[in-house]
Amino acid sequence: MIVEQVWTGNNFRNFNYLIVCPDTGEALAIDPLDHEKCLAAAKTNGWQITQILNTHEHHDHIGGNQAVIDATGAKLLAHQNAKAKIPDMDIGLSAGDIVKVGKTVELESLDTPGHTMSHVCLLSRTDQPALFCGDTLFNAGAGNCHNGGHPAELYDTFVKQLATLPNHTLIYPGHDYIANNLEFTLDREPDNARAPELLKEVGNQDLNDALVSTLGLEKEINTFFRLHNPTVVARLRETFPDLPDELDEKTVFLKLRELRNSW
């Protein structure tokens, strides 16, 4: 499996992706907002885009669909419940469905509500698993729930699905927000050992060759996976003094998401 991460350089800081079968050159384009860059990358490498996958319905993820379809005739895939929100969908995906690319690439569809209620992530069936996570999971952060989502559903997605994946899973998010997210981590957990080191590493990184994190690294530096950390909990009590004596992890997650909304 070949993964081409396409940095758009736009104000939304989107990443687009091409996932390619090395045997056939067939490619799946994930959220190809910057259709010109995606089509150019395919042309340069001799790949043929045959499918498009939208992780969810927001315009900065579906806005390039028609241009790619016009240029390639690609089929459009998205969550089965997004048909009323994403024009001209060809295939609706449910949890566990397999998206095949060429002869050798298989990607499992995960039903991952939270950022929106019709959001899918794709998990590669490879020795080195890779998660294409749209706006559900970011490097050092979690998606917001402002436009059609719900933080309680996002919590369930994090705890019941994402946290259970192998630690060596590669993380490919829909946006680059890593610097701001690491600063939020350090605000919530100032004694986090790894976050300041990583912030220095990515401060001036070339986003055409961006850091690709792993789930194991996320568990070290992503506050939304660190719900039992004593410092995170103590800092949360300082901010919300009326919290109960016994704090469950869902409450911690929801309060962190509330704080991140205004960060």
C-alpha atoms as a PDB file:
ATOM      1  CA  MET A   1       0.000   0.000   0.000  1.00  0.00           C
ATOM      2  CA  ILE A   2       1.287   3.428  -0.998  1.00  0.00           C
ATOM      3  CA  VAL A   3       0.112   6.458   1.000  1.00  0.00           C
ATOM      4  CA  GLU A   4       0.499   9.892  -0.568  1.00  0.00           C
ATOM      5  CA  GLN A   5      -0.264  12.637   1.939  1.00  0.00           C
ATOM      6  CA  VAL A   6      -1.222  15.819   0.084  1.00  0.00           C
ATOM      7  CA  TRP A   7      -0.715  19.057   2.015  1.00  0.00           C
ATOM      8  CA  THR A   8      -3.187  21.624   0.691  1.00  0.00           C
ATOM      9  CA  GLY A   9      -1.619  24.684   2.291  1.00  0.00           C
ATOM     10  CA  ASN A  10      -5.061  26.268   2.613  1.00  0.00           C
ATOM     11  CA  ASN A  11      -6.451  28.270   5.523  1.00  0.00           C
ATOM     12  CA  PHE A  12      -8.204  25.181   6.892  1.00  0.00           C
ATOM     13  CA  ARG A  13      -4.870  23.306   6.966  1.00  0.00           C
ATOM     14  CA  ASN A  14      -6.347  20.238   5.246  1.00  0.00           C
ATOM     15  CA  PHE A  15      -4.520  17.050   4.449  1.00  0.00           C
ATOM     16  CA  ASN A  16      -5.823  15.030   1.476  1.00  0.00           C
ATOM     17  CA  TYR A  17      -4.710  11.478   0.749  1.00  0.00           C
ATOM     18  CA  LEU A  18      -4.195   9.077  -2.104  1.00  0.00           C
ATOM     19  CA  ILE A  19      -4.068   5.401  -1.153  1.00  0.00           C
ATOM     20  CA  VAL A  20      -2.606   3.379  -3.977  1.00  0.00           C
ATOM     21  CA  CYS A  21      -2.318  -0.281  -4.935  1.00  0.00           C
ATOM     22  CA  PRO A  22       1.333  -0.681  -5.986  1.00  0.00           C
ATOM     23  CA  ASP A  23       0.468  -3.559  -8.332  1.00  0.00           C
ATOM     24  CA  THR A  24      -2.174  -1.804 -10.424  1.00  0.00           C
ATOM     25  CA  GLY A  25      -1.696   1.896  -9.744  1.00  0.00           C
ATOM     26  CA  GLU A  26      -5.363   2.271  -8.825  1.00  0.00           C
ATOM     27  CA  ALA A  27      -5.916   4.934  -6.182  1.00  0.00           C
ATOM     28  CA  LEU A  28      -8.501   5.962  -3.606  1.00  0.00           C
ATOM     29  CA  ALA A  29      -8.655   9.711  -2.940  1.00  0.00           C
ATOM     30  CA  ILE A  30      -9.666  10.632   0.617  1.00  0.00           C
ATOM     31  CA  ASP A  31     -11.395  14.022   1.019  1.00  0.00           C
ATOM     32  CA  PRO A  32      -9.739  15.487  -2.114  1.00  0.00           C
ATOM     33  CA  LEU A  33     -10.624  19.128  -1.505  1.00  0.00           C
ATOM     34  CA  ASP A  34      -7.525  20.279  -3.376  1.00  0.00           C
ATOM     35  CA  HIS A  35      -8.484  18.400  -6.502  1.00  0.00           C
ATOM     36  CA  GLU A  36      -5.714  20.012  -8.533  1.00  0.00           C
ATOM     37  CA  LYS A  37      -2.970  18.742  -6.230  1.00  0.00           C
ATOM     38  CA  CYS A  38      -4.564  15.299  -5.941  1.00  0.00           C
ATOM     39  CA  LEU A  39      -4.985  14.929  -9.692  1.00  0.00           C
ATOM     40  CA  ALA A  40      -1.454  16.221 -10.284  1.00  0.00           C
ATOM     41  CA  ALA A  41       0.032  13.753  -7.804  1.00  0.00           C
ATOM     42  CA  ALA A  42      -1.798  10.890  -9.512  1.00  0.00           C
ATOM     43  CA  LYS A  43      -0.672  12.017 -12.971  1.00  0.00           C
ATOM     44  CA  THR A  44       2.940  12.476 -11.925  1.00  0.00           C
ATOM     45  CA  ASN A  45       3.117   8.980 -10.465  1.00  0.00           C
ATOM     46  CA  GLY A  46       1.100   7.226 -13.146  1.00  0.00           C
ATOM     47  CA  TRP A  47      -1.769   6.396 -10.800  1.00  0.00           C
ATOM     48  CA  GLN A  48      -5.468   6.250 -11.672  1.00  0.00           C
ATOM     49  CA  ILE A  49      -7.985   7.568  -9.162  1.00  0.00           C
ATOM     50  CA  THR A  50     -10.913   5.142  -9.318  1.00  0.00           C
ATOM     51  CA  GLN A  51     -12.619   5.923  -6.006  1.00  0.00           C
ATOM     52  CA  ILE A  52     -13.197   8.855  -3.668  1.00  0.00           C
ATOM     53  CA  LEU A  53     -13.898   8.446   0.049  1.00  0.00           C
ATOM     54  CA  ASN A  54     -15.415  11.276   2.065  1.00  0.00           C
ATOM     55  CA  THR A  55     -14.887  10.830   5.783  1.00  0.00           C
ATOM     56  CA  HIS A  56     -17.812  13.171   6.429  1.00  0.00           C
ATOM     57  CA  GLU A  57     -20.008  15.799   4.843  1.00  0.00           C
ATOM     58  CA  HIS A  58     -18.335  19.129   5.640  1.00  0.00           C
ATOM     59  CA  HIS A  59     -17.496  21.280   2.629  1.00  0.00           C
ATOM     60  CA  ASP A  60     -13.753  21.319   3.254  1.00  0.00           C
ATOM     61  CA  HIS A  61     -13.829  17.549   2.747  1.00  0.00           C
ATOM     62  CA  ILE A  62     -16.302  17.169  -0.128  1.00  0.00           C
ATOM     63  CA  GLY A  63     -15.592  20.367  -2.060  1.00  0.00           C
ATOM     64  CA  GLY A  64     -13.256  18.723  -4.580  1.00  0.00           C
ATOM     65  CA  ASN A  65     -15.429  15.697  -5.334  1.00  0.00           C
ATOM     66  CA  GLN A  66     -17.012  16.841  -8.570  1.00  0.00           C
ATOM     67  CA  ALA A  67     -13.780  17.990 -10.165  1.00  0.00           C
ATOM     68  CA  VAL A  68     -12.126  14.633  -9.445  1.00  0.00           C
ATOM     69  CA  ILE A  69     -15.181  12.722 -10.700  1.00  0.00           C
ATOM     70  CA  ASP A  70     -15.271  14.809 -13.872  1.00  0.00           C
ATOM     71  CA  ALA A  71     -11.583  14.121 -14.497  1.00  0.00           C
ATOM     72  CA  THR A  72     -11.542  10.413 -13.620  1.00  0.00           C
ATOM     73  CA  GLY A  73     -15.053   8.951 -13.423  1.00  0.00           C
ATOM     74  CA  ALA A  74     -14.300   7.836  -9.869  1.00  0.00           C
ATOM     75  CA  LYS A  75     -17.000   6.305  -7.671  1.00  0.00           C
ATOM     76  CA  LEU A  76     -17.906   8.215  -4.494  1.00  0.00           C
ATOM     77  CA  LEU A  77     -18.050   6.464  -1.102  1.00  0.00           C
ATOM     78  CA  ALA A  78     -19.112   7.817   2.286  1.00  0.00           C
ATOM     79  CA  HIS A  79     -21.109   6.907   5.385  1.00  0.00           C
ATOM     80  CA  GLN A  80     -24.421   5.279   4.520  1.00  0.00           C
ATOM     81  CA  ASN A  81     -26.320   7.991   6.405  1.00  0.00           C
ATOM     82  CA  ALA A  82     -24.654  10.839   4.496  1.00  0.00           C
ATOM     83  CA  LYS A  83     -26.545  10.378   1.226  1.00  0.00           C
ATOM     84  CA  ALA A  84     -28.744  13.419   1.876  1.00  0.00           C
ATOM     85  CA  LYS A  85     -25.685  15.528   2.701  1.00  0.00           C
ATOM     86  CA  ILE A  86     -23.121  14.471   0.081  1.00  0.00           C
ATOM     87  CA  PRO A  87     -24.278  14.874  -3.533  1.00  0.00           C
ATOM     88  CA  ASP A  88     -24.029  11.965  -5.963  1.00  0.00           C
ATOM     89  CA  MET A  89     -22.830   9.307  -3.522  1.00  0.00           C
ATOM     90  CA  ASP A  90     -22.437   5.916  -5.183  1.00  0.00           C
ATOM     91  CA  ILE A  91     -21.764   3.646  -2.207  1.00  0.00           C
ATOM     92  CA  GLY A  92     -22.799   4.002   1.444  1.00  0.00           C
ATOM     93  CA  LEU A  93     -20.508   2.415   4.008  1.00  0.00           C
ATOM     94  CA  SER A  94     -21.372   0.691   7.280  1.00  0.00           C
ATOM     95  CA  ALA A  95     -19.089  -0.467  10.071  1.00  0.00           C
ATOM     96  CA  GLY A  96     -17.014  -3.424   8.930  1.00  0.00           C
ATOM     97  CA  ASP A  97     -17.409  -2.863   5.207  1.00  0.00           C
ATOM     98  CA  ILE A  98     -14.227  -3.407   3.199  1.00  0.00           C
ATOM     99  CA  VAL A  99     -13.028  -0.874   0.631  1.00  0.00           C
ATOM    100  CA  LYS A 100     -10.750  -2.540  -1.909  1.00  0.00           C
ATOM    101  CA  VAL A 101      -8.216  -0.578  -3.922  1.00  0.00           C
ATOM    102  CA  GLY A 102      -6.718  -2.456  -6.847  1.00  0.00           C
ATOM    103  CA  LYS A 103      -5.601  -5.999  -6.139  1.00  0.00           C
ATOM    104  CA  THR A 104      -3.738  -5.648  -2.855  1.00  0.00           C
ATOM    105  CA  VAL A 105      -5.231  -2.928  -0.646  1.00  0.00           C
ATOM    106  CA  GLU A 106      -8.090  -3.530   1.778  1.00  0.00           C
ATOM    107  CA  LEU A 107      -9.415  -0.845   4.132  1.00  0.00           C
ATOM    108  CA  GLU A 108     -12.008  -1.473   6.835  1.00  0.00           C
ATOM    109  CA  SER A 109     -14.730   1.102   7.360  1.00  0.00           C
ATOM    110  CA  LEU A 110     -15.186   2.239  10.962  1.00  0.00           C
ATOM    111  CA  ASP A 111     -18.387   4.012  11.978  1.00  0.00           C
ATOM    112  CA  THR A 112     -16.943   6.851  14.084  1.00  0.00           C
ATOM    113  CA  PRO A 113     -19.575   9.406  15.130  1.00  0.00           C
ATOM    114  CA  GLY A 114     -18.763  12.503  17.140  1.00  0.00           C
ATOM    115  CA  HIS A 115     -17.413  15.228  14.872  1.00  0.00           C
ATOM    116  CA  THR A 116     -20.509  14.530  12.802  1.00  0.00           C
ATOM    117  CA  MET A 117     -22.956  11.662  13.202  1.00  0.00           C
ATOM    118  CA  SER A 118     -22.141  10.253   9.764  1.00  0.00           C
ATOM    119  CA  HIS A 119     -18.357  10.045   9.941  1.00  0.00           C
ATOM    120  CA  VAL A 120     -16.216   7.131   8.804  1.00  0.00           C
ATOM    121  CA  CYS A 121     -12.565   6.338   9.383  1.00  0.00           C
ATOM    122  CA  LEU A 122     -10.654   3.797   7.305  1.00  0.00           C
ATOM    123  CA  LEU A 123      -8.303   1.253   8.883  1.00  0.00           C
ATOM    124  CA  SER A 124      -5.850  -0.531   6.609  1.00  0.00           C
ATOM    125  CA  ARG A 125      -5.569  -4.300   6.781  1.00  0.00           C
ATOM    126  CA  THR A 126      -1.783  -4.323   6.714  1.00  0.00           C
ATOM    127  CA  ASP A 127       1.037  -5.509   8.966  1.00  0.00           C
ATOM    128  CA  GLN A 128       1.612  -1.837   9.745  1.00  0.00           C
ATOM    129  CA  PRO A 129      -1.991  -0.663  10.223  1.00  0.00           C
ATOM    130  CA  ALA A 130      -2.871   2.886   9.240  1.00  0.00           C
ATOM    131  CA  LEU A 131      -5.901   4.903  10.306  1.00  0.00           C
ATOM    132  CA  PHE A 132      -7.283   7.592   8.000  1.00  0.00           C
ATOM    133  CA  CYS A 133      -9.308   9.457  10.561  1.00  0.00           C
ATOM    134  CA  GLY A 134     -10.730  12.596   8.954  1.00  0.00           C
ATOM    135  CA  ASP A 135     -11.811  15.007  11.676  1.00  0.00           C
ATOM    136  CA  THR A 136     -12.323  12.437  14.431  1.00  0.00           C
ATOM    137  CA  LEU A 137      -8.740  12.198  15.697  1.00  0.00           C
ATOM    138  CA  PHE A 138      -6.037  14.801  15.139  1.00  0.00           C
ATOM    139  CA  ASN A 139      -2.398  14.704  16.116  1.00  0.00           C
ATOM    140  CA  ALA A 140      -2.546  15.534  19.853  1.00  0.00           C
ATOM    141  CA  GLY A 141      -6.241  16.394  19.636  1.00  0.00           C
ATOM    142  CA  ALA A 142      -9.854  15.480  18.928  1.00  0.00           C
ATOM    143  CA  GLY A 143     -12.411  16.815  16.479  1.00  0.00           C
ATOM    144  CA  ASN A 144     -14.878  19.478  17.506  1.00  0.00           C
ATOM    145  CA  CYS A 145     -18.606  18.780  17.566  1.00  0.00           C
ATOM    146  CA  HIS A 146     -19.965  22.158  16.448  1.00  0.00           C
ATOM    147  CA  ASN A 147     -21.551  21.293  13.102  1.00  0.00           C
ATOM    148  CA  GLY A 148     -23.689  18.205  13.408  1.00  0.00           C
ATOM    149  CA  GLY A 149     -21.771  16.232  16.021  1.00  0.00           C
ATOM    150  CA  HIS A 150     -21.986  15.330  19.694  1.00  0.00           C
ATOM    151  CA  PRO A 151     -19.174  15.119  22.288  1.00  0.00           C
ATOM    152  CA  ALA A 152     -20.667  12.099  24.066  1.00  0.00           C
ATOM    153  CA  GLU A 153     -20.570  10.158  20.800  1.00  0.00           C
ATOM    154  CA  LEU A 154     -16.995  11.318  20.220  1.00  0.00           C
ATOM    155  CA  TYR A 155     -16.065  10.012  23.668  1.00  0.00           C
ATOM    156  CA  ASP A 156     -17.531   6.600  22.815  1.00  0.00           C
ATOM    157  CA  THR A 157     -15.605   6.555  19.538  1.00  0.00           C
ATOM    158  CA  PHE A 158     -12.330   7.359  21.297  1.00  0.00           C
ATOM    159  CA  VAL A 159     -12.729   4.873  24.141  1.00  0.00           C
ATOM    160  CA  LYS A 160     -14.477   1.981  22.424  1.00  0.00           C
ATOM    161  CA  GLN A 161     -12.800   2.101  19.007  1.00  0.00           C
ATOM    162  CA  LEU A 162      -9.678   4.226  18.691  1.00  0.00           C
ATOM    163  CA  ALA A 163      -8.050   3.400  22.020  1.00  0.00           C
ATOM    164  CA  THR A 164      -8.347  -0.321  21.302  1.00  0.00           C
ATOM    165  CA  LEU A 165      -6.325  -0.212  18.061  1.00  0.00           C
ATOM    166  CA  PRO A 166      -2.689  -1.425  18.072  1.00  0.00           C
ATOM    167  CA  ASN A 167      -0.222   1.141  19.364  1.00  0.00           C
ATOM    168  CA  HIS A 168       1.834   0.944  16.142  1.00  0.00           C
ATOM    169  CA  THR A 169      -1.144   2.128  14.055  1.00  0.00           C
ATOM    170  CA  LEU A 170      -0.130   5.092  11.894  1.00  0.00           C
ATOM    171  CA  ILE A 171      -2.362   8.160  12.252  1.00  0.00           C
ATOM    172  CA  TYR A 172      -3.353  10.163   9.167  1.00  0.00           C
ATOM    173  CA  PRO A 173      -5.668  13.053  10.193  1.00  0.00           C
ATOM    174  CA  GLY A 174      -7.682  15.419   8.024  1.00  0.00           C
ATOM    175  CA  HIS A 175      -5.923  18.600   9.222  1.00  0.00           C
ATOM    176  CA  ASP A 176      -2.646  19.808  10.676  1.00  0.00           C
ATOM    177  CA  TYR A 177      -3.419  21.245  14.105  1.00  0.00           C
ATOM    178  CA  ILE A 178      -0.552  19.598  15.951  1.00  0.00           C
ATOM    179  CA  ALA A 179       1.164  22.720  17.334  1.00  0.00           C
ATOM    180  CA  ASN A 180      -2.003  24.210  18.843  1.00  0.00           C
ATOM    181  CA  ASN A 181      -3.052  20.824  20.155  1.00  0.00           C
ATOM    182  CA  LEU A 182       0.305  20.262  21.853  1.00  0.00           C
ATOM    183  CA  GLU A 183      -0.001  23.672  23.487  1.00  0.00           C
ATOM    184  CA  PHE A 184      -3.400  22.613  24.804  1.00  0.00           C
ATOM    185  CA  THR A 185      -1.832  19.402  26.123  1.00  0.00           C
ATOM    186  CA  LEU A 186       0.783  21.434  27.988  1.00  0.00           C
ATOM    187  CA  ASP A 187      -1.870  23.752  29.400  1.00  0.00           C
ATOM    188  CA  ARG A 188      -3.773  20.756  30.754  1.00  0.00           C
ATOM    189  CA  GLU A 189      -0.720  18.658  31.650  1.00  0.00           C
ATOM    190  CA  PRO A 190       2.297  20.950  32.089  1.00  0.00           C
ATOM    191  CA  ASP A 191       4.474  18.100  33.338  1.00  0.00           C
ATOM    192  CA  ASN A 192       3.934  15.976  30.199  1.00  0.00           C
ATOM    193  CA  ALA A 193       7.442  14.828  29.275  1.00  0.00           C
ATOM    194  CA  ARG A 194       6.977  14.157  25.565  1.00  0.00           C
ATOM    195  CA  ALA A 195       4.787  17.079  24.442  1.00  0.00           C
ATOM    196  CA  PRO A 196       7.398  19.897  24.704  1.00  0.00           C
ATOM    197  CA  GLU A 197       9.977  17.801  22.852  1.00  0.00           C
ATOM    198  CA  LEU A 198       7.516  17.086  20.077  1.00  0.00           C
ATOM    199  CA  LEU A 199       6.412  20.710  19.900  1.00  0.00           C
ATOM    200  CA  LYS A 200      10.013  21.701  19.163  1.00  0.00           C
ATOM    201  CA  GLU A 201      10.269  18.986  16.505  1.00  0.00           C
ATOM    202  CA  VAL A 202       7.152  20.037  14.601  1.00  0.00           C
ATOM    203  CA  GLY A 203       7.374  23.795  15.101  1.00  0.00           C
ATOM    204  CA  ASN A 204       9.010  24.412  11.729  1.00  0.00           C
ATOM    205  CA  GLN A 205       8.316  21.124   9.992  1.00  0.00           C
ATOM    206  CA  ASP A 206       7.815  20.878   6.239  1.00  0.00           C
ATOM    207  CA  LEU A 207       4.155  19.952   5.929  1.00  0.00           C
ATOM    208  CA  ASN A 208       4.821  18.381   2.546  1.00  0.00           C
ATOM    209  CA  ASP A 209       6.728  15.812   4.593  1.00  0.00           C
ATOM    210  CA  ALA A 210       4.785  16.016   7.837  1.00  0.00           C
ATOM    211  CA  LEU A 211       5.273  13.918  10.929  1.00  0.00           C
ATOM    212  CA  VAL A 212       3.165  10.761  10.886  1.00  0.00           C
ATOM    213  CA  SER A 213       2.371   9.812  14.460  1.00  0.00           C
ATOM    214  CA  THR A 214       1.265   6.488  15.882  1.00  0.00           C
ATOM    215  CA  LEU A 215      -1.498   5.647  18.291  1.00  0.00           C
ATOM    216  CA  GLY A 216       1.166   4.868  20.886  1.00  0.00           C
ATOM    217  CA  LEU A 217       2.575   8.385  20.521  1.00  0.00           C
ATOM    218  CA  GLU A 218      -0.930   9.854  20.686  1.00  0.00           C
ATOM    219  CA  LYS A 219      -1.472   8.106  24.007  1.00  0.00           C
ATOM    220  CA  GLU A 220       1.612   9.936  25.299  1.00  0.00           C
ATOM    221  CA  ILE A 221       0.744  13.442  24.088  1.00  0.00           C
ATOM    222  CA  ASN A 222      -2.986  13.574  23.306  1.00  0.00           C
ATOM    223  CA  THR A 223      -4.978  14.770  26.331  1.00  0.00           C
ATOM    224  CA  PHE A 224      -8.118  13.042  25.060  1.00  0.00           C
ATOM    225  CA  PHE A 225      -6.425   9.670  25.610  1.00  0.00           C
ATOM    226  CA  ARG A 226      -5.064  10.676  29.038  1.00  0.00           C
ATOM    227  CA  LEU A 227      -8.299  10.806  31.000  1.00  0.00           C
ATOM    228  CA  HIS A 228      -6.866   9.172  34.134  1.00  0.00           C
ATOM    229  CA  ASN A 229      -3.690  11.240  34.285  1.00  0.00           C
ATOM    230  CA  PRO A 230      -3.463  12.815  37.791  1.00  0.00           C
ATOM    231  CA  THR A 231      -2.281  16.186  36.497  1.00  0.00           C
ATOM    232  CA  VAL A 232      -5.051  16.356  33.875  1.00  0.00           C
ATOM    233  CA  VAL A 233      -7.645  15.565  36.530  1.00  0.00           C
ATOM    234  CA  ALA A 234      -6.165  18.010  39.061  1.00  0.00           C
ATOM    235  CA  ARG A 235      -6.019  20.847  36.517  1.00  0.00           C
ATOM    236  CA  LEU A 236      -9.604  20.114  35.529  1.00  0.00           C
ATOM    237  CA  ARG A 237     -10.697  20.476  39.165  1.00  0.00           C
ATOM    238  CA  GLU A 238      -9.002  23.870  39.288  1.00  0.00           C
ATOM    239  CA  THR A 239     -10.999  24.992  36.261  1.00  0.00           C
ATOM    240  CA  PHE A 240     -14.265  23.356  37.324  1.00  0.00           C
ATOM    241  CA  PRO A 241     -14.320  23.430  41.160  1.00  0.00           C
ATOM    242  CA  ASP A 242     -17.828  21.943  41.350  1.00  0.00           C
ATOM    243  CA  LEU A 243     -16.799  18.591  39.857  1.00  0.00           C
ATOM    244  CA  PRO A 244     -17.791  15.554  41.959  1.00  0.00           C
ATOM    245  CA  ASP A 245     -15.258  13.805  44.167  1.00  0.00           C
ATOM    246  CA  GLU A 246     -15.402  10.688  41.986  1.00  0.00           C
ATOM    247  CA  LEU A 247     -14.667  11.689  38.393  1.00  0.00           C
ATOM    248  CA  ASP A 248     -15.489   9.234  35.623  1.00  0.00           C
ATOM    249  CA  GLU A 249     -13.486   9.349  32.404  1.00  0.00           C
ATOM    250  CA  LYS A 250     -16.478  10.430  30.312  1.00  0.00           C
ATOM    251  CA  THR A 251     -16.876  13.598  32.381  1.00  0.00           C
ATOM    252  CA  VAL A 252     -13.156  14.304  32.039  1.00  0.00           C
ATOM    253  CA  PHE A 253     -13.374  13.898  28.249  1.00  0.00           C
ATOM    254  CA  LEU A 254     -16.441  16.136  27.943  1.00  0.00           C
ATOM    255  CA  LYS A 255     -14.915  18.869  30.079  1.00  0.00           C
ATOM    256  CA  LEU A 256     -11.681  18.733  28.070  1.00  0.00           C
ATOM    257  CA  ARG A 257     -13.661  19.027  24.854  1.00  0.00           C
ATOM    258  CA  GLU A 258     -15.535  21.997  26.344  1.00  0.00           C
ATOM    259  CA  LEU A 259     -12.255  23.722  27.206  1.00  0.00           C
ATOM    260  CA  ARG A 260     -10.741  23.017  23.793  1.00  0.00           C
ATOM    261  CA  ASN A 261     -13.736  24.696  22.125  1.00  0.00           C
ATOM    262  CA  SER A 262     -12.552  28.082  23.354  1.00  0.00           C
ATOM    263  CA  TRP A 263      -8.796  27.438  23.228  1.00  0.00           C
END
